[in-house]
Amino acid sequence: MKITSILLPIPIGALYHFFILKLADVLFHDTQTNKIDYIYNFILFVGITSIIFAFTTLSTNKLYKNDVLKYGIVLGSVSLVSYGTLTYWNDITNESKLIIAGFLFGSACLYAY
């Protein structure tokens, strides 16, 4: 693995994170009611969809296989979902918190297995 394969995903992930946050801000700046809910749901949807896209299309398809882009999008998506969850933790519902805790617990069990 080359040094560029390790260093290039970091700025790609940071730029992706910044781009999605600004996109959410621009899309929902006129929303007066439940602005936080709209932004958090958008961040969560885009983050999870991007992770799935990176692991399916950018890993298996011969035409689009690119490890630097894949790891950059995954890094940006994980930081986006983590940032959104930690920022809006007090504002999200208990059901959403339960789903997030269950997902993290299941991921930890799967990783440990």
N, C-alpha and C. Protein backbone atom coordinates (compact mmCIF):
# COMPACT_ATOMS: atom_id res chain seq x y z
N MET A 1 0.84 -1.18 0.00
CA MET A 1 0.00 0.00 0.00
C MET A 1 0.89 1.24 0.00
N LYS A 2 0.63 2.15 -0.92
CA LYS A 2 1.43 3.36 -1.04
C LYS A 2 1.03 4.39 0.02
N ILE A 3 1.89 5.35 0.24
CA ILE A 3 1.64 6.40 1.21
C ILE A 3 0.46 7.29 0.76
N THR A 4 0.30 7.44 -0.56
CA THR A 4 -0.83 8.24 -1.05
C THR A 4 -2.16 7.55 -0.78
N SER A 5 -2.16 6.23 -0.73
CA SER A 5 -3.39 5.50 -0.42
C SER A 5 -3.79 5.67 1.04
N ILE A 6 -2.84 6.08 1.86
CA ILE A 6 -3.13 6.29 3.28
C ILE A 6 -3.47 7.76 3.55
N LEU A 7 -2.74 8.67 2.92
CA LEU A 7 -2.90 10.09 3.23
C LEU A 7 -4.02 10.79 2.45
N LEU A 8 -4.29 10.38 1.24
CA LEU A 8 -5.31 11.06 0.44
C LEU A 8 -6.75 10.90 0.93
N PRO A 9 -7.14 9.78 1.54
CA PRO A 9 -8.53 9.69 2.02
C PRO A 9 -8.87 10.68 3.13
N ILE A 10 -7.88 11.14 3.88
CA ILE A 10 -8.16 12.06 4.99
C ILE A 10 -8.73 13.39 4.49
N PRO A 11 -8.08 14.09 3.54
CA PRO A 11 -8.70 15.33 3.07
C PRO A 11 -9.97 15.09 2.26
N ILE A 12 -10.06 13.96 1.57
CA ILE A 12 -11.30 13.66 0.84
C ILE A 12 -12.44 13.49 1.83
N GLY A 13 -12.20 12.77 2.92
CA GLY A 13 -13.23 12.59 3.94
C GLY A 13 -13.61 13.90 4.61
N ALA A 14 -12.62 14.74 4.90
CA ALA A 14 -12.91 16.03 5.54
C ALA A 14 -13.72 16.93 4.61
N LEU A 15 -13.36 16.97 3.34
CA LEU A 15 -14.11 17.79 2.39
C LEU A 15 -15.53 17.27 2.18
N TYR A 16 -15.68 15.95 2.16
CA TYR A 16 -17.01 15.35 2.03
C TYR A 16 -17.87 15.71 3.23
N HIS A 17 -17.30 15.61 4.42
CA HIS A 17 -18.00 15.97 5.66
C HIS A 17 -18.46 17.43 5.61
N PHE A 18 -17.56 18.33 5.27
CA PHE A 18 -17.87 19.76 5.18
C PHE A 18 -18.94 20.03 4.12
N PHE A 19 -18.82 19.38 2.96
CA PHE A 19 -19.78 19.57 1.87
C PHE A 19 -21.19 19.17 2.29
N ILE A 20 -21.34 18.01 2.92
CA ILE A 20 -22.67 17.53 3.32
C ILE A 20 -23.26 18.42 4.41
N LEU A 21 -22.46 18.87 5.36
CA LEU A 21 -22.98 19.77 6.39
C LEU A 21 -23.47 21.08 5.80
N LYS A 22 -22.72 21.65 4.87
CA LYS A 22 -23.14 22.90 4.24
C LYS A 22 -24.35 22.69 3.33
N LEU A 23 -24.41 21.55 2.67
CA LEU A 23 -25.57 21.23 1.84
C LEU A 23 -26.83 21.14 2.70
N ALA A 24 -26.74 20.50 3.85
CA ALA A 24 -27.89 20.41 4.76
C ALA A 24 -28.29 21.79 5.26
N ASP A 25 -27.31 22.63 5.56
CA ASP A 25 -27.60 23.98 6.02
C ASP A 25 -28.29 24.80 4.94
N VAL A 26 -27.84 24.69 3.70
CA VAL A 26 -28.45 25.43 2.60
C VAL A 26 -29.86 24.91 2.29
N LEU A 27 -30.04 23.59 2.31
CA LEU A 27 -31.34 23.03 1.98
C LEU A 27 -32.41 23.36 3.02
N PHE A 28 -32.02 23.42 4.29
CA PHE A 28 -33.01 23.58 5.35
C PHE A 28 -32.88 24.91 6.09
N HIS A 29 -32.31 25.94 5.46
CA HIS A 29 -32.15 27.20 6.17
C HIS A 29 -33.47 27.95 6.33
N ASP A 30 -34.44 27.73 5.48
CA ASP A 30 -35.73 28.41 5.59
C ASP A 30 -36.71 27.67 6.50
N THR A 31 -36.39 26.47 6.90
CA THR A 31 -37.29 25.67 7.73
C THR A 31 -37.32 26.25 9.13
N GLN A 32 -38.51 26.60 9.60
CA GLN A 32 -38.65 27.18 10.93
C GLN A 32 -38.94 26.13 11.99
N THR A 33 -39.77 25.14 11.66
CA THR A 33 -40.13 24.13 12.64
C THR A 33 -39.32 22.86 12.41
N ASN A 34 -38.81 22.31 13.47
CA ASN A 34 -38.06 21.05 13.45
C ASN A 34 -36.87 21.07 12.50
N LYS A 35 -36.16 22.19 12.45
CA LYS A 35 -34.99 22.30 11.58
C LYS A 35 -33.93 21.26 11.97
N ILE A 36 -33.77 21.04 13.27
CA ILE A 36 -32.78 20.09 13.74
C ILE A 36 -33.14 18.68 13.30
N ASP A 37 -34.42 18.34 13.35
CA ASP A 37 -34.85 17.00 12.90
C ASP A 37 -34.55 16.79 11.43
N TYR A 38 -34.85 17.79 10.61
CA TYR A 38 -34.58 17.67 9.17
C TYR A 38 -33.09 17.51 8.90
N ILE A 39 -32.28 18.34 9.55
CA ILE A 39 -30.83 18.28 9.31
C ILE A 39 -30.26 16.95 9.80
N TYR A 40 -30.67 16.50 10.98
CA TYR A 40 -30.14 15.24 11.50
C TYR A 40 -30.56 14.06 10.62
N ASN A 41 -31.82 14.03 10.22
CA ASN A 41 -32.28 12.94 9.35
C ASN A 41 -31.55 12.96 8.01
N PHE A 42 -31.30 14.13 7.47
CA PHE A 42 -30.56 14.25 6.21
C PHE A 42 -29.13 13.75 6.38
N ILE A 43 -28.46 14.17 7.45
CA ILE A 43 -27.09 13.75 7.71
C ILE A 43 -27.01 12.24 7.89
N LEU A 44 -27.95 11.69 8.65
CA LEU A 44 -27.97 10.25 8.88
C LEU A 44 -28.22 9.48 7.59
N PHE A 45 -29.18 9.94 6.79
CA PHE A 45 -29.49 9.27 5.53
C PHE A 45 -28.31 9.31 4.56
N VAL A 46 -27.73 10.48 4.38
CA VAL A 46 -26.60 10.62 3.45
C VAL A 46 -25.40 9.84 3.95
N GLY A 47 -25.13 9.86 5.24
CA GLY A 47 -23.99 9.13 5.78
C GLY A 47 -24.10 7.63 5.59
N ILE A 48 -25.25 7.07 5.92
CA ILE A 48 -25.44 5.62 5.78
C ILE A 48 -25.47 5.22 4.31
N THR A 49 -26.14 6.01 3.48
CA THR A 49 -26.19 5.71 2.05
C THR A 49 -24.80 5.77 1.43
N SER A 50 -23.99 6.72 1.85
CA SER A 50 -22.63 6.84 1.31
C SER A 50 -21.75 5.67 1.72
N ILE A 51 -21.90 5.20 2.94
CA ILE A 51 -21.13 4.03 3.39
C ILE A 51 -21.50 2.81 2.55
N ILE A 52 -22.79 2.62 2.35
CA ILE A 52 -23.25 1.48 1.53
C ILE A 52 -22.73 1.62 0.10
N PHE A 53 -22.81 2.82 -0.47
CA PHE A 53 -22.30 3.06 -1.82
C PHE A 53 -20.81 2.77 -1.92
N ALA A 54 -20.06 3.22 -0.93
CA ALA A 54 -18.61 3.03 -0.97
C ALA A 54 -18.23 1.56 -0.90
N PHE A 55 -18.92 0.81 -0.06
CA PHE A 55 -18.57 -0.60 0.08
C PHE A 55 -19.13 -1.48 -1.03
N THR A 56 -20.15 -1.04 -1.74
CA THR A 56 -20.68 -1.86 -2.82
C THR A 56 -20.08 -1.46 -4.17
N THR A 57 -20.29 -0.23 -4.57
CA THR A 57 -19.86 0.19 -5.90
C THR A 57 -18.36 0.39 -6.00
N LEU A 58 -17.76 1.05 -5.04
CA LEU A 58 -16.34 1.37 -5.13
C LEU A 58 -15.43 0.21 -4.73
N SER A 59 -16.00 -0.89 -4.27
CA SER A 59 -15.19 -2.05 -3.89
C SER A 59 -15.27 -3.17 -4.91
N THR A 60 -16.45 -3.40 -5.44
CA THR A 60 -16.66 -4.60 -6.25
C THR A 60 -16.69 -4.33 -7.75
N ASN A 61 -17.11 -3.17 -8.17
CA ASN A 61 -17.24 -2.86 -9.58
C ASN A 61 -15.85 -2.57 -10.16
N LYS A 62 -15.46 -3.31 -11.21
CA LYS A 62 -14.12 -3.13 -11.79
C LYS A 62 -13.93 -1.73 -12.38
N LEU A 63 -14.98 -1.17 -12.94
CA LEU A 63 -14.88 0.14 -13.58
C LEU A 63 -14.68 1.26 -12.56
N TYR A 64 -15.32 1.14 -11.40
CA TYR A 64 -15.27 2.21 -10.40
C TYR A 64 -14.45 1.86 -9.16
N LYS A 65 -13.65 0.81 -9.20
CA LYS A 65 -12.89 0.40 -8.04
C LYS A 65 -11.76 1.40 -7.77
N ASN A 66 -11.84 2.04 -6.60
CA ASN A 66 -10.86 3.04 -6.22
C ASN A 66 -10.77 3.05 -4.70
N ASP A 67 -9.67 2.56 -4.15
CA ASP A 67 -9.54 2.45 -2.70
C ASP A 67 -9.43 3.81 -2.02
N VAL A 68 -8.75 4.76 -2.63
CA VAL A 68 -8.59 6.08 -2.03
C VAL A 68 -9.95 6.75 -1.89
N LEU A 69 -10.73 6.73 -2.93
CA LEU A 69 -12.06 7.35 -2.88
C LEU A 69 -12.98 6.60 -1.91
N LYS A 70 -12.89 5.28 -1.91
CA LYS A 70 -13.72 4.47 -1.01
C LYS A 70 -13.43 4.81 0.44
N TYR A 71 -12.16 4.80 0.82
CA TYR A 71 -11.81 5.08 2.21
C TYR A 71 -12.08 6.54 2.58
N GLY A 72 -11.94 7.45 1.63
CA GLY A 72 -12.26 8.85 1.90
C GLY A 72 -13.74 9.05 2.15
N ILE A 73 -14.59 8.42 1.35
CA ILE A 73 -16.04 8.56 1.55
C ILE A 73 -16.47 7.87 2.84
N VAL A 74 -15.90 6.72 3.14
CA VAL A 74 -16.24 6.02 4.38
C VAL A 74 -15.80 6.86 5.59
N LEU A 75 -14.60 7.41 5.55
CA LEU A 75 -14.11 8.24 6.64
C LEU A 75 -15.00 9.48 6.83
N GLY A 76 -15.34 10.14 5.72
CA GLY A 76 -16.21 11.30 5.80
C GLY A 76 -17.61 10.95 6.30
N SER A 77 -18.14 9.82 5.87
CA SER A 77 -19.48 9.41 6.29
C SER A 77 -19.53 9.04 7.76
N VAL A 78 -18.52 8.31 8.22
CA VAL A 78 -18.48 7.93 9.64
C VAL A 78 -18.33 9.17 10.51
N SER A 79 -17.48 10.11 10.10
CA SER A 79 -17.33 11.34 10.87
C SER A 79 -18.61 12.17 10.81
N LEU A 80 -19.31 12.15 9.68
CA LEU A 80 -20.56 12.89 9.53
C LEU A 80 -21.65 12.34 10.45
N VAL A 81 -21.83 11.02 10.44
CA VAL A 81 -22.84 10.40 11.30
C VAL A 81 -22.47 10.57 12.77
N SER A 82 -21.19 10.43 13.11
CA SER A 82 -20.76 10.61 14.50
C SER A 82 -20.98 12.05 14.95
N TYR A 83 -20.60 13.00 14.13
CA TYR A 83 -20.78 14.41 14.46
C TYR A 83 -22.26 14.75 14.62
N GLY A 84 -23.08 14.29 13.69
CA GLY A 84 -24.51 14.57 13.77
C GLY A 84 -25.15 13.95 15.00
N THR A 85 -24.75 12.74 15.32
CA THR A 85 -25.32 12.07 16.49
C THR A 85 -24.89 12.75 17.78
N LEU A 86 -23.63 13.09 17.89
CA LEU A 86 -23.15 13.74 19.11
C LEU A 86 -23.67 15.17 19.25
N THR A 87 -23.83 15.87 18.15
CA THR A 87 -24.31 17.24 18.20
C THR A 87 -25.79 17.30 18.58
N TYR A 88 -26.60 16.44 17.99
CA TYR A 88 -28.04 16.50 18.19
C TYR A 88 -28.54 15.43 19.16
N TRP A 89 -27.67 14.90 20.02
CA TRP A 89 -28.05 13.81 20.92
C TRP A 89 -29.20 14.22 21.85
N ASN A 90 -29.18 15.43 22.37
CA ASN A 90 -30.24 15.87 23.28
C ASN A 90 -31.56 16.14 22.57
N ASP A 91 -31.52 16.32 21.27
CA ASP A 91 -32.72 16.68 20.53
C ASP A 91 -33.40 15.50 19.84
N ILE A 92 -32.75 14.35 19.74
CA ILE A 92 -33.36 13.22 19.06
C ILE A 92 -34.20 12.42 20.06
N THR A 93 -35.12 11.64 19.54
CA THR A 93 -36.06 10.91 20.38
C THR A 93 -35.39 9.69 21.03
N ASN A 94 -36.04 9.17 22.04
CA ASN A 94 -35.51 7.99 22.73
C ASN A 94 -35.49 6.77 21.82
N GLU A 95 -36.45 6.67 20.90
CA GLU A 95 -36.46 5.54 19.97
C GLU A 95 -35.24 5.58 19.06
N SER A 96 -34.88 6.77 18.60
CA SER A 96 -33.68 6.91 17.77
C SER A 96 -32.43 6.57 18.56
N LYS A 97 -32.39 6.98 19.81
CA LYS A 97 -31.24 6.65 20.66
C LYS A 97 -31.14 5.14 20.85
N LEU A 98 -32.28 4.47 21.02
CA LEU A 98 -32.29 3.02 21.17
C LEU A 98 -31.78 2.33 19.92
N ILE A 99 -32.20 2.81 18.75
CA ILE A 99 -31.74 2.24 17.48
C ILE A 99 -30.23 2.42 17.31
N ILE A 100 -29.74 3.61 17.64
CA ILE A 100 -28.31 3.88 17.53
C ILE A 100 -27.52 3.00 18.50
N ALA A 101 -28.00 2.88 19.74
CA ALA A 101 -27.30 2.05 20.73
C ALA A 101 -27.33 0.58 20.31
N GLY A 102 -28.46 0.12 19.76
CA GLY A 102 -28.54 -1.26 19.29
C GLY A 102 -27.61 -1.52 18.12
N PHE A 103 -27.53 -0.57 17.21
CA PHE A 103 -26.62 -0.71 16.06
C PHE A 103 -25.16 -0.75 16.53
N LEU A 104 -24.80 0.10 17.46
CA LEU A 104 -23.43 0.10 17.97
C LEU A 104 -23.12 -1.18 18.73
N PHE A 105 -24.08 -1.67 19.51
CA PHE A 105 -23.88 -2.92 20.23
C PHE A 105 -23.72 -4.09 19.27
N GLY A 106 -24.58 -4.14 18.27
CA GLY A 106 -24.49 -5.21 17.27
C GLY A 106 -23.19 -5.16 16.49
N SER A 107 -22.75 -3.95 16.14
CA SER A 107 -21.48 -3.79 15.43
C SER A 107 -20.31 -4.24 16.28
N ALA A 108 -20.34 -3.90 17.57
CA ALA A 108 -19.26 -4.31 18.47
C ALA A 108 -19.23 -5.83 18.64
N CYS A 109 -20.41 -6.43 18.74
CA CYS A 109 -20.47 -7.91 18.84
C CYS A 109 -19.98 -8.58 17.57
N LEU A 110 -20.37 -8.04 16.43
CA LEU A 110 -19.93 -8.59 15.15
C LEU A 110 -18.42 -8.44 14.99
N TYR A 111 -17.89 -7.31 15.39
CA TYR A 111 -16.45 -7.08 15.29
C TYR A 111 -15.68 -8.00 16.24
N ALA A 112 -16.22 -8.21 17.43
CA ALA A 112 -15.54 -9.05 18.42
C ALA A 112 -15.61 -10.53 18.04
N TYR A 113 -16.63 -10.91 17.30
CA TYR A 113 -16.80 -12.31 16.93
C TYR A 113 -15.79 -12.67 15.88
